[in-house]
Full PDB file with SEQRES, HELIX, SHEET, SSBOND, CRYST1, ORIGX, SCALE, CONECT and MASTER records, all heavy atoms in Angstrom:
SEQRES   1 A   32  GLY PHE LYS ASN GLU CYS PRO CYS GLY VAL VAL ASN GLU          
SEQRES   2 A   32  GLU ASN PHE LYS THR ILE TYR SER GLN PHE PHE PRO GLN          
SEQRES   3 A   32  GLY ASP SER SER MET TYR                                      
HELIX    1 AA1 PHE A    2  GLU A    5  1                                   4    
HELIX    2 AA2 GLU A   13  TYR A   20  1                                   8    
HELIX    3 AA3 SER A   21  PHE A   23  5                                   3    
CRYST1    1.000    1.000    1.000  90.00  90.00  90.00 P 1           1          
ORIGX1      1.000000  0.000000  0.000000        0.00000                         
ORIGX2      0.000000  1.000000  0.000000        0.00000                         
ORIGX3      0.000000  0.000000  1.000000        0.00000                         
SCALE1      1.000000  0.000000  0.000000        0.00000                         
SCALE2      0.000000  1.000000  0.000000        0.00000                         
SCALE3      0.000000  0.000000  1.000000        0.00000                         
ATOM      1  N   GLY A   1      37.667 -21.869  39.405  1.00  0.00           N  
ATOM      2  CA  GLY A   1      36.348 -21.800  38.785  1.00  0.00           C  
ATOM      3  C   GLY A   1      35.272 -20.770  39.476  1.00  0.00           C  
ATOM      4  O   GLY A   1      34.632 -20.059  38.762  1.00  0.00           O  
ATOM      5  N   PHE A   2      35.393 -20.724  40.810  1.00  0.00           N  
ATOM      6  CA  PHE A   2      34.617 -19.819  41.605  1.00  0.00           C  
ATOM      7  C   PHE A   2      34.906 -18.307  41.122  1.00  0.00           C  
ATOM      8  O   PHE A   2      34.065 -17.517  40.911  1.00  0.00           O  
ATOM      9  CB  PHE A   2      34.943 -19.972  43.108  1.00  0.00           C  
ATOM     10  CG  PHE A   2      33.960 -19.080  43.938  1.00  0.00           C  
ATOM     11  CD1 PHE A   2      32.890 -19.663  44.474  1.00  0.00           C  
ATOM     12  CD2 PHE A   2      34.260 -17.828  44.249  1.00  0.00           C  
ATOM     13  CE1 PHE A   2      32.061 -19.022  45.299  1.00  0.00           C  
ATOM     14  CE2 PHE A   2      33.395 -17.068  45.052  1.00  0.00           C  
ATOM     15  CZ  PHE A   2      32.333 -17.670  45.572  1.00  0.00           C  
ATOM     16  N   LYS A   3      36.230 -17.992  41.019  1.00  0.00           N  
ATOM     17  CA  LYS A   3      36.576 -16.705  40.669  1.00  0.00           C  
ATOM     18  C   LYS A   3      36.314 -16.294  39.138  1.00  0.00           C  
ATOM     19  O   LYS A   3      35.984 -15.256  38.832  1.00  0.00           O  
ATOM     20  CB  LYS A   3      38.122 -16.413  40.922  1.00  0.00           C  
ATOM     21  CG  LYS A   3      38.571 -14.972  40.895  1.00  0.00           C  
ATOM     22  CD  LYS A   3      39.820 -14.703  41.508  1.00  0.00           C  
ATOM     23  CE  LYS A   3      40.912 -15.241  40.632  1.00  0.00           C  
ATOM     24  NZ  LYS A   3      42.253 -14.799  41.235  1.00  0.00           N  
ATOM     25  N   ASN A   4      36.349 -17.319  38.356  1.00  0.00           N  
ATOM     26  CA  ASN A   4      35.944 -17.129  37.013  1.00  0.00           C  
ATOM     27  C   ASN A   4      34.478 -16.732  36.855  1.00  0.00           C  
ATOM     28  O   ASN A   4      34.057 -15.803  36.066  1.00  0.00           O  
ATOM     29  CB  ASN A   4      36.149 -18.443  36.090  1.00  0.00           C  
ATOM     30  CG  ASN A   4      37.494 -18.449  35.498  1.00  0.00           C  
ATOM     31  OD1 ASN A   4      38.194 -17.518  35.364  1.00  0.00           O  
ATOM     32  ND2 ASN A   4      38.000 -19.691  35.222  1.00  0.00           N  
ATOM     33  N   GLU A   5      33.583 -17.452  37.666  1.00  0.00           N  
ATOM     34  CA  GLU A   5      32.155 -17.232  37.601  1.00  0.00           C  
ATOM     35  C   GLU A   5      31.926 -16.001  38.446  1.00  0.00           C  
ATOM     36  O   GLU A   5      30.820 -15.371  38.164  1.00  0.00           O  
ATOM     37  CB  GLU A   5      31.515 -18.521  38.144  1.00  0.00           C  
ATOM     38  CG  GLU A   5      31.548 -19.716  37.276  1.00  0.00           C  
ATOM     39  CD  GLU A   5      30.875 -19.588  35.984  1.00  0.00           C  
ATOM     40  OE1 GLU A   5      29.956 -18.765  35.859  1.00  0.00           O  
ATOM     41  OE2 GLU A   5      31.085 -20.330  35.098  1.00  0.00           O  
ATOM     42  N   CYS A   6      32.617 -15.727  39.553  1.00  0.00           N  
ATOM     43  CA  CYS A   6      32.293 -14.695  40.465  1.00  0.00           C  
ATOM     44  C   CYS A   6      33.449 -13.844  40.703  1.00  0.00           C  
ATOM     45  O   CYS A   6      34.123 -13.983  41.791  1.00  0.00           O  
ATOM     46  CB  CYS A   6      31.671 -15.380  41.662  1.00  0.00           C  
ATOM     47  SG  CYS A   6      31.071 -14.140  42.876  1.00  0.00           S  
ATOM     48  N   PRO A   7      33.948 -12.942  39.909  1.00  0.00           N  
ATOM     49  CA  PRO A   7      35.163 -12.184  40.220  1.00  0.00           C  
ATOM     50  C   PRO A   7      35.098 -11.308  41.353  1.00  0.00           C  
ATOM     51  O   PRO A   7      36.130 -11.034  42.003  1.00  0.00           O  
ATOM     52  CB  PRO A   7      35.228 -11.304  38.869  1.00  0.00           C  
ATOM     53  CG  PRO A   7      34.569 -12.049  37.819  1.00  0.00           C  
ATOM     54  CD  PRO A   7      33.422 -12.757  38.560  1.00  0.00           C  
ATOM     55  N   CYS A   8      33.923 -10.849  41.901  1.00  0.00           N  
ATOM     56  CA  CYS A   8      33.777 -10.089  43.037  1.00  0.00           C  
ATOM     57  C   CYS A   8      33.996 -10.917  44.335  1.00  0.00           C  
ATOM     58  O   CYS A   8      34.235 -10.334  45.432  1.00  0.00           O  
ATOM     59  CB  CYS A   8      32.511  -9.340  43.053  1.00  0.00           C  
ATOM     60  SG  CYS A   8      31.062 -10.385  43.210  1.00  0.00           S  
ATOM     61  N   GLY A   9      34.029 -12.198  44.233  1.00  0.00           N  
ATOM     62  CA  GLY A   9      34.359 -13.071  45.404  1.00  0.00           C  
ATOM     63  C   GLY A   9      33.175 -13.455  46.227  1.00  0.00           C  
ATOM     64  O   GLY A   9      33.402 -14.403  47.123  1.00  0.00           O  
ATOM     65  N   VAL A  10      31.952 -13.062  45.944  1.00  0.00           N  
ATOM     66  CA  VAL A  10      30.754 -13.428  46.594  1.00  0.00           C  
ATOM     67  C   VAL A  10      29.666 -13.531  45.669  1.00  0.00           C  
ATOM     68  O   VAL A  10      29.687 -12.974  44.630  1.00  0.00           O  
ATOM     69  CB  VAL A  10      30.423 -12.536  47.802  1.00  0.00           C  
ATOM     70  CG1 VAL A  10      31.459 -12.502  48.893  1.00  0.00           C  
ATOM     71  CG2 VAL A  10      30.144 -11.118  47.256  1.00  0.00           C  
ATOM     72  N   VAL A  11      28.507 -14.322  46.028  1.00  0.00           N  
ATOM     73  CA  VAL A  11      27.354 -14.395  45.268  1.00  0.00           C  
ATOM     74  C   VAL A  11      26.275 -14.108  46.145  1.00  0.00           C  
ATOM     75  O   VAL A  11      26.243 -14.462  47.383  1.00  0.00           O  
ATOM     76  CB  VAL A  11      27.247 -15.764  44.680  1.00  0.00           C  
ATOM     77  CG1 VAL A  11      27.160 -16.832  45.677  1.00  0.00           C  
ATOM     78  CG2 VAL A  11      25.986 -15.850  43.709  1.00  0.00           C  
ATOM     79  N   ASN A  12      25.246 -13.259  45.621  1.00  0.00           N  
ATOM     80  CA  ASN A  12      24.009 -13.033  46.456  1.00  0.00           C  
ATOM     81  C   ASN A  12      22.984 -13.956  45.966  1.00  0.00           C  
ATOM     82  O   ASN A  12      23.031 -14.823  45.045  1.00  0.00           O  
ATOM     83  CB  ASN A  12      23.590 -11.591  46.168  1.00  0.00           C  
ATOM     84  CG  ASN A  12      23.175 -11.299  44.720  1.00  0.00           C  
ATOM     85  OD1 ASN A  12      22.726 -12.022  44.004  1.00  0.00           O  
ATOM     86  ND2 ASN A  12      23.441  -9.980  44.373  1.00  0.00           N  
ATOM     87  N   GLU A  13      21.812 -13.893  46.701  1.00  0.00           N  
ATOM     88  CA  GLU A  13      20.807 -14.896  46.576  1.00  0.00           C  
ATOM     89  C   GLU A  13      20.122 -14.765  45.174  1.00  0.00           C  
ATOM     90  O   GLU A  13      19.735 -15.847  44.539  1.00  0.00           O  
ATOM     91  CB  GLU A  13      19.645 -14.768  47.664  1.00  0.00           C  
ATOM     92  CG  GLU A  13      18.549 -15.758  47.567  1.00  0.00           C  
ATOM     93  CD  GLU A  13      17.636 -15.666  48.768  1.00  0.00           C  
ATOM     94  OE1 GLU A  13      18.054 -15.087  49.795  1.00  0.00           O  
ATOM     95  OE2 GLU A  13      16.435 -16.221  48.543  1.00  0.00           O  
ATOM     96  N   GLU A  14      19.892 -13.593  44.731  1.00  0.00           N  
ATOM     97  CA  GLU A  14      19.198 -13.490  43.402  1.00  0.00           C  
ATOM     98  C   GLU A  14      20.019 -14.135  42.280  1.00  0.00           C  
ATOM     99  O   GLU A  14      19.429 -14.762  41.330  1.00  0.00           O  
ATOM    100  CB  GLU A  14      18.904 -12.048  43.132  1.00  0.00           C  
ATOM    101  CG  GLU A  14      17.754 -11.434  43.996  1.00  0.00           C  
ATOM    102  CD  GLU A  14      16.547 -12.293  43.873  1.00  0.00           C  
ATOM    103  OE1 GLU A  14      16.043 -12.622  42.841  1.00  0.00           O  
ATOM    104  OE2 GLU A  14      16.001 -12.634  45.018  1.00  0.00           O  
ATOM    105  N   ASN A  15      21.271 -13.958  42.347  1.00  0.00           N  
ATOM    106  CA  ASN A  15      22.097 -14.594  41.303  1.00  0.00           C  
ATOM    107  C   ASN A  15      22.212 -16.116  41.426  1.00  0.00           C  
ATOM    108  O   ASN A  15      22.325 -16.746  40.426  1.00  0.00           O  
ATOM    109  CB  ASN A  15      23.533 -13.991  41.264  1.00  0.00           C  
ATOM    110  CG  ASN A  15      23.579 -12.523  40.827  1.00  0.00           C  
ATOM    111  OD1 ASN A  15      23.027 -12.166  39.809  1.00  0.00           O  
ATOM    112  ND2 ASN A  15      24.338 -11.619  41.434  1.00  0.00           N  
ATOM    113  N   PHE A  16      22.188 -16.449  42.703  1.00  0.00           N  
ATOM    114  CA  PHE A  16      22.254 -17.956  42.951  1.00  0.00           C  
ATOM    115  C   PHE A  16      20.973 -18.625  42.454  1.00  0.00           C  
ATOM    116  O   PHE A  16      21.003 -19.665  41.723  1.00  0.00           O  
ATOM    117  CB  PHE A  16      22.242 -18.139  44.511  1.00  0.00           C  
ATOM    118  CG  PHE A  16      22.418 -19.516  44.863  1.00  0.00           C  
ATOM    119  CD1 PHE A  16      23.674 -20.110  45.200  1.00  0.00           C  
ATOM    120  CD2 PHE A  16      21.332 -20.351  45.225  1.00  0.00           C  
ATOM    121  CE1 PHE A  16      23.836 -21.334  45.549  1.00  0.00           C  
ATOM    122  CE2 PHE A  16      21.444 -21.710  45.605  1.00  0.00           C  
ATOM    123  CZ  PHE A  16      22.637 -22.230  45.692  1.00  0.00           C  
ATOM    124  N   LYS A  17      19.812 -17.896  42.587  1.00  0.00           N  
ATOM    125  CA  LYS A  17      18.546 -18.370  42.007  1.00  0.00           C  
ATOM    126  C   LYS A  17      18.580 -18.470  40.589  1.00  0.00           C  
ATOM    127  O   LYS A  17      17.989 -19.388  39.968  1.00  0.00           O  
ATOM    128  CB  LYS A  17      17.352 -17.516  42.542  1.00  0.00           C  
ATOM    129  CG  LYS A  17      17.073 -17.691  43.962  1.00  0.00           C  
ATOM    130  CD  LYS A  17      15.777 -16.777  44.356  1.00  0.00           C  
ATOM    131  CE  LYS A  17      15.475 -16.886  45.826  1.00  0.00           C  
ATOM    132  NZ  LYS A  17      14.355 -15.986  46.134  1.00  0.00           N  
ATOM    133  N   THR A  18      19.095 -17.454  39.967  1.00  0.00           N  
ATOM    134  CA  THR A  18      19.071 -17.403  38.507  1.00  0.00           C  
ATOM    135  C   THR A  18      19.847 -18.497  37.845  1.00  0.00           C  
ATOM    136  O   THR A  18      19.259 -19.115  36.965  1.00  0.00           O  
ATOM    137  CB  THR A  18      19.717 -16.026  38.030  1.00  0.00           C  
ATOM    138  OG1 THR A  18      18.917 -14.896  38.501  1.00  0.00           O  
ATOM    139  CG2 THR A  18      19.842 -15.939  36.564  1.00  0.00           C  
ATOM    140  N   ILE A  19      20.962 -18.733  38.334  1.00  0.00           N  
ATOM    141  CA  ILE A  19      21.839 -19.898  37.671  1.00  0.00           C  
ATOM    142  C   ILE A  19      21.147 -21.208  38.106  1.00  0.00           C  
ATOM    143  O   ILE A  19      21.170 -22.200  37.294  1.00  0.00           O  
ATOM    144  CB  ILE A  19      23.192 -19.852  38.065  1.00  0.00           C  
ATOM    145  CG1 ILE A  19      24.068 -20.780  37.215  1.00  0.00           C  
ATOM    146  CG2 ILE A  19      23.531 -20.181  39.488  1.00  0.00           C  
ATOM    147  CD1 ILE A  19      23.971 -20.427  35.719  1.00  0.00           C  
ATOM    148  N   TYR A  20      20.669 -21.386  39.266  1.00  0.00           N  
ATOM    149  CA  TYR A  20      20.103 -22.684  39.747  1.00  0.00           C  
ATOM    150  C   TYR A  20      18.882 -23.008  38.790  1.00  0.00           C  
ATOM    151  O   TYR A  20      18.604 -24.225  38.598  1.00  0.00           O  
ATOM    152  CB  TYR A  20      19.702 -22.641  41.217  1.00  0.00           C  
ATOM    153  CG  TYR A  20      19.455 -23.991  41.865  1.00  0.00           C  
ATOM    154  CD1 TYR A  20      20.693 -24.680  42.372  1.00  0.00           C  
ATOM    155  CD2 TYR A  20      18.370 -24.662  42.021  1.00  0.00           C  
ATOM    156  CE1 TYR A  20      20.580 -25.869  42.937  1.00  0.00           C  
ATOM    157  CE2 TYR A  20      18.185 -25.772  42.559  1.00  0.00           C  
ATOM    158  CZ  TYR A  20      19.367 -26.488  43.106  1.00  0.00           C  
ATOM    159  OH  TYR A  20      19.189 -27.716  43.595  1.00  0.00           O  
ATOM    160  N   SER A  21      18.058 -21.986  38.381  1.00  0.00           N  
ATOM    161  CA  SER A  21      16.965 -22.231  37.622  1.00  0.00           C  
ATOM    162  C   SER A  21      17.256 -22.834  36.258  1.00  0.00           C  
ATOM    163  O   SER A  21      16.398 -23.562  35.601  1.00  0.00           O  
ATOM    164  CB  SER A  21      16.254 -20.905  37.476  1.00  0.00           C  
ATOM    165  OG  SER A  21      16.917 -20.056  36.572  1.00  0.00           O  
ATOM    166  N   GLN A  22      18.470 -22.719  35.862  1.00  0.00           N  
ATOM    167  CA  GLN A  22      18.968 -23.164  34.482  1.00  0.00           C  
ATOM    168  C   GLN A  22      18.962 -24.819  34.601  1.00  0.00           C  
ATOM    169  O   GLN A  22      18.894 -25.396  33.463  1.00  0.00           O  
ATOM    170  CB  GLN A  22      20.184 -22.737  34.103  1.00  0.00           C  
ATOM    171  CG  GLN A  22      20.196 -21.222  33.835  1.00  0.00           C  
ATOM    172  CD  GLN A  22      21.532 -20.530  33.528  1.00  0.00           C  
ATOM    173  OE1 GLN A  22      22.331 -21.254  32.995  1.00  0.00           O  
ATOM    174  NE2 GLN A  22      21.751 -19.316  33.783  1.00  0.00           N  
ATOM    175  N   PHE A  23      19.064 -25.340  35.845  1.00  0.00           N  
ATOM    176  CA  PHE A  23      19.202 -26.718  35.899  1.00  0.00           C  
ATOM    177  C   PHE A  23      17.845 -27.491  35.920  1.00  0.00           C  
ATOM    178  O   PHE A  23      17.579 -28.591  35.662  1.00  0.00           O  
ATOM    179  CB  PHE A  23      19.840 -27.203  37.227  1.00  0.00           C  
ATOM    180  CG  PHE A  23      21.353 -26.877  37.162  1.00  0.00           C  
ATOM    181  CD1 PHE A  23      21.853 -25.689  37.634  1.00  0.00           C  
ATOM    182  CD2 PHE A  23      22.251 -27.950  36.737  1.00  0.00           C  
ATOM    183  CE1 PHE A  23      23.298 -25.360  37.484  1.00  0.00           C  
ATOM    184  CE2 PHE A  23      23.602 -27.708  36.677  1.00  0.00           C  
ATOM    185  CZ  PHE A  23      24.172 -26.420  37.211  1.00  0.00           C  
ATOM    186  N   PHE A  24      16.747 -26.578  36.123  1.00  0.00           N  
ATOM    187  CA  PHE A  24      15.368 -27.082  36.290  1.00  0.00           C  
ATOM    188  C   PHE A  24      14.506 -26.197  35.484  1.00  0.00           C  
ATOM    189  O   PHE A  24      13.550 -25.506  36.055  1.00  0.00           O  
ATOM    190  CB  PHE A  24      14.918 -27.061  37.739  1.00  0.00           C  
ATOM    191  CG  PHE A  24      15.782 -27.998  38.626  1.00  0.00           C  
ATOM    192  CD1 PHE A  24      16.847 -27.388  39.370  1.00  0.00           C  
ATOM    193  CD2 PHE A  24      15.654 -29.334  38.688  1.00  0.00           C  
ATOM    194  CE1 PHE A  24      17.665 -28.196  40.154  1.00  0.00           C  
ATOM    195  CE2 PHE A  24      16.503 -30.159  39.458  1.00  0.00           C  
ATOM    196  CZ  PHE A  24      17.483 -29.534  40.150  1.00  0.00           C  
ATOM    197  N   PRO A  25      14.606 -26.082  34.113  1.00  0.00           N  
ATOM    198  CA  PRO A  25      13.832 -25.267  33.257  1.00  0.00           C  
ATOM    199  C   PRO A  25      12.282 -25.486  33.247  1.00  0.00           C  
ATOM    200  O   PRO A  25      11.547 -24.688  32.914  1.00  0.00           O  
ATOM    201  CB  PRO A  25      14.439 -25.294  32.028  1.00  0.00           C  
ATOM    202  CG  PRO A  25      15.149 -26.769  31.929  1.00  0.00           C  
ATOM    203  CD  PRO A  25      15.568 -26.871  33.341  1.00  0.00           C  
ATOM    204  N   GLN A  26      12.082 -26.807  33.595  1.00  0.00           N  
ATOM    205  CA  GLN A  26      10.639 -27.266  33.446  1.00  0.00           C  
ATOM    206  C   GLN A  26       9.815 -26.816  34.784  1.00  0.00           C  
ATOM    207  O   GLN A  26       8.560 -26.962  34.675  1.00  0.00           O  
ATOM    208  CB  GLN A  26      10.521 -28.696  33.359  1.00  0.00           C  
ATOM    209  CG  GLN A  26      10.885 -29.671  34.642  1.00  0.00           C  
ATOM    210  CD  GLN A  26      12.314 -29.719  34.957  1.00  0.00           C  
ATOM    211  OE1 GLN A  26      13.195 -29.110  34.365  1.00  0.00           O  
ATOM    212  NE2 GLN A  26      12.622 -30.656  35.752  1.00  0.00           N  
ATOM    213  N   GLY A  27      10.491 -26.365  35.753  1.00  0.00           N  
ATOM    214  CA  GLY A  27       9.701 -25.972  36.972  1.00  0.00           C  
ATOM    215  C   GLY A  27      10.152 -24.708  37.540  1.00  0.00           C  
ATOM    216  O   GLY A  27      10.977 -23.886  36.950  1.00  0.00           O  
ATOM    217  N   ASP A  28       9.830 -24.295  38.815  1.00  0.00           N  
ATOM    218  CA  ASP A  28      10.090 -23.124  39.494  1.00  0.00           C  
ATOM    219  C   ASP A  28      11.034 -23.582  40.708  1.00  0.00           C  
ATOM    220  O   ASP A  28      10.610 -24.126  41.683  1.00  0.00           O  
ATOM    221  CB  ASP A  28       8.890 -22.419  40.044  1.00  0.00           C  
ATOM    222  CG  ASP A  28       9.207 -21.220  40.751  1.00  0.00           C  
ATOM    223  OD1 ASP A  28      10.411 -20.825  40.790  1.00  0.00           O  
ATOM    224  OD2 ASP A  28       8.244 -20.610  41.166  1.00  0.00           O  
ATOM    225  N   SER A  29      12.290 -23.345  40.499  1.00  0.00           N  
ATOM    226  CA  SER A  29      13.293 -23.658  41.563  1.00  0.00           C  
ATOM    227  C   SER A  29      13.602 -22.598  42.592  1.00  0.00           C  
ATOM    228  O   SER A  29      14.386 -22.718  43.444  1.00  0.00           O  
ATOM    229  CB  SER A  29      14.616 -24.196  40.827  1.00  0.00           C  
ATOM    230  OG  SER A  29      15.243 -23.099  40.249  1.00  0.00           O  
ATOM    231  N   SER A  30      12.995 -21.457  42.448  1.00  0.00           N  
ATOM    232  CA  SER A  30      13.388 -20.360  43.302  1.00  0.00           C  
ATOM    233  C   SER A  30      13.299 -20.506  44.711  1.00  0.00           C  
ATOM    234  O   SER A  30      14.097 -20.150  45.477  1.00  0.00           O  
ATOM    235  CB  SER A  30      12.349 -19.059  42.821  1.00  0.00           C  
ATOM    236  OG  SER A  30      11.193 -19.344  43.003  1.00  0.00           O  
ATOM    237  N   MET A  31      12.221 -21.223  45.150  1.00  0.00           N  
ATOM    238  CA  MET A  31      12.048 -21.384  46.641  1.00  0.00           C  
ATOM    239  C   MET A  31      13.097 -22.379  47.187  1.00  0.00           C  
ATOM    240  O   MET A  31      13.650 -22.225  48.200  1.00  0.00           O  
ATOM    241  CB  MET A  31      10.598 -21.931  46.927  1.00  0.00           C  
ATOM    242  CG  MET A  31      10.341 -21.904  48.483  1.00  0.00           C  
ATOM    243  SD  MET A  31      10.650 -20.349  49.218  1.00  0.00           S  
ATOM    244  CE  MET A  31       9.447 -19.295  48.588  1.00  0.00           C  
ATOM    245  N   TYR A  32      13.261 -23.508  46.413  1.00  0.00           N  
ATOM    246  CA  TYR A  32      14.202 -24.490  46.869  1.00  0.00           C  
ATOM    247  C   TYR A  32      15.697 -23.848  46.862  1.00  0.00           C  
ATOM    248  O   TYR A  32      16.431 -24.131  47.795  1.00  0.00           O  
ATOM    249  CB  TYR A  32      14.254 -25.746  46.034  1.00  0.00           C  
ATOM    250  CG  TYR A  32      15.150 -26.828  46.625  1.00  0.00           C  
ATOM    251  CD1 TYR A  32      14.847 -27.577  47.733  1.00  0.00           C  
ATOM    252  CD2 TYR A  32      16.412 -27.071  46.110  1.00  0.00           C  
ATOM    253  CE1 TYR A  32      15.605 -28.498  48.111  1.00  0.00           C  
ATOM    254  CE2 TYR A  32      17.325 -28.027  46.582  1.00  0.00           C  
ATOM    255  CZ  TYR A  32      16.959 -28.748  47.664  1.00  0.00           C  
ATOM    256  OH  TYR A  32      17.683 -29.735  48.234  1.00  0.00           O  
TER     257      TYR A  32                                                      
MASTER        0    0    0    3    0    0    0    6  256    1    0    3          
END                                                                             
């Protein structure tokens, strides 16, 4: 699953924030 989502093998903070925000569309999850 990790390699499907992240073929390059690592994830940076901006991409982490982007997908995390999809779980909380009603608020701003960037800082958490």
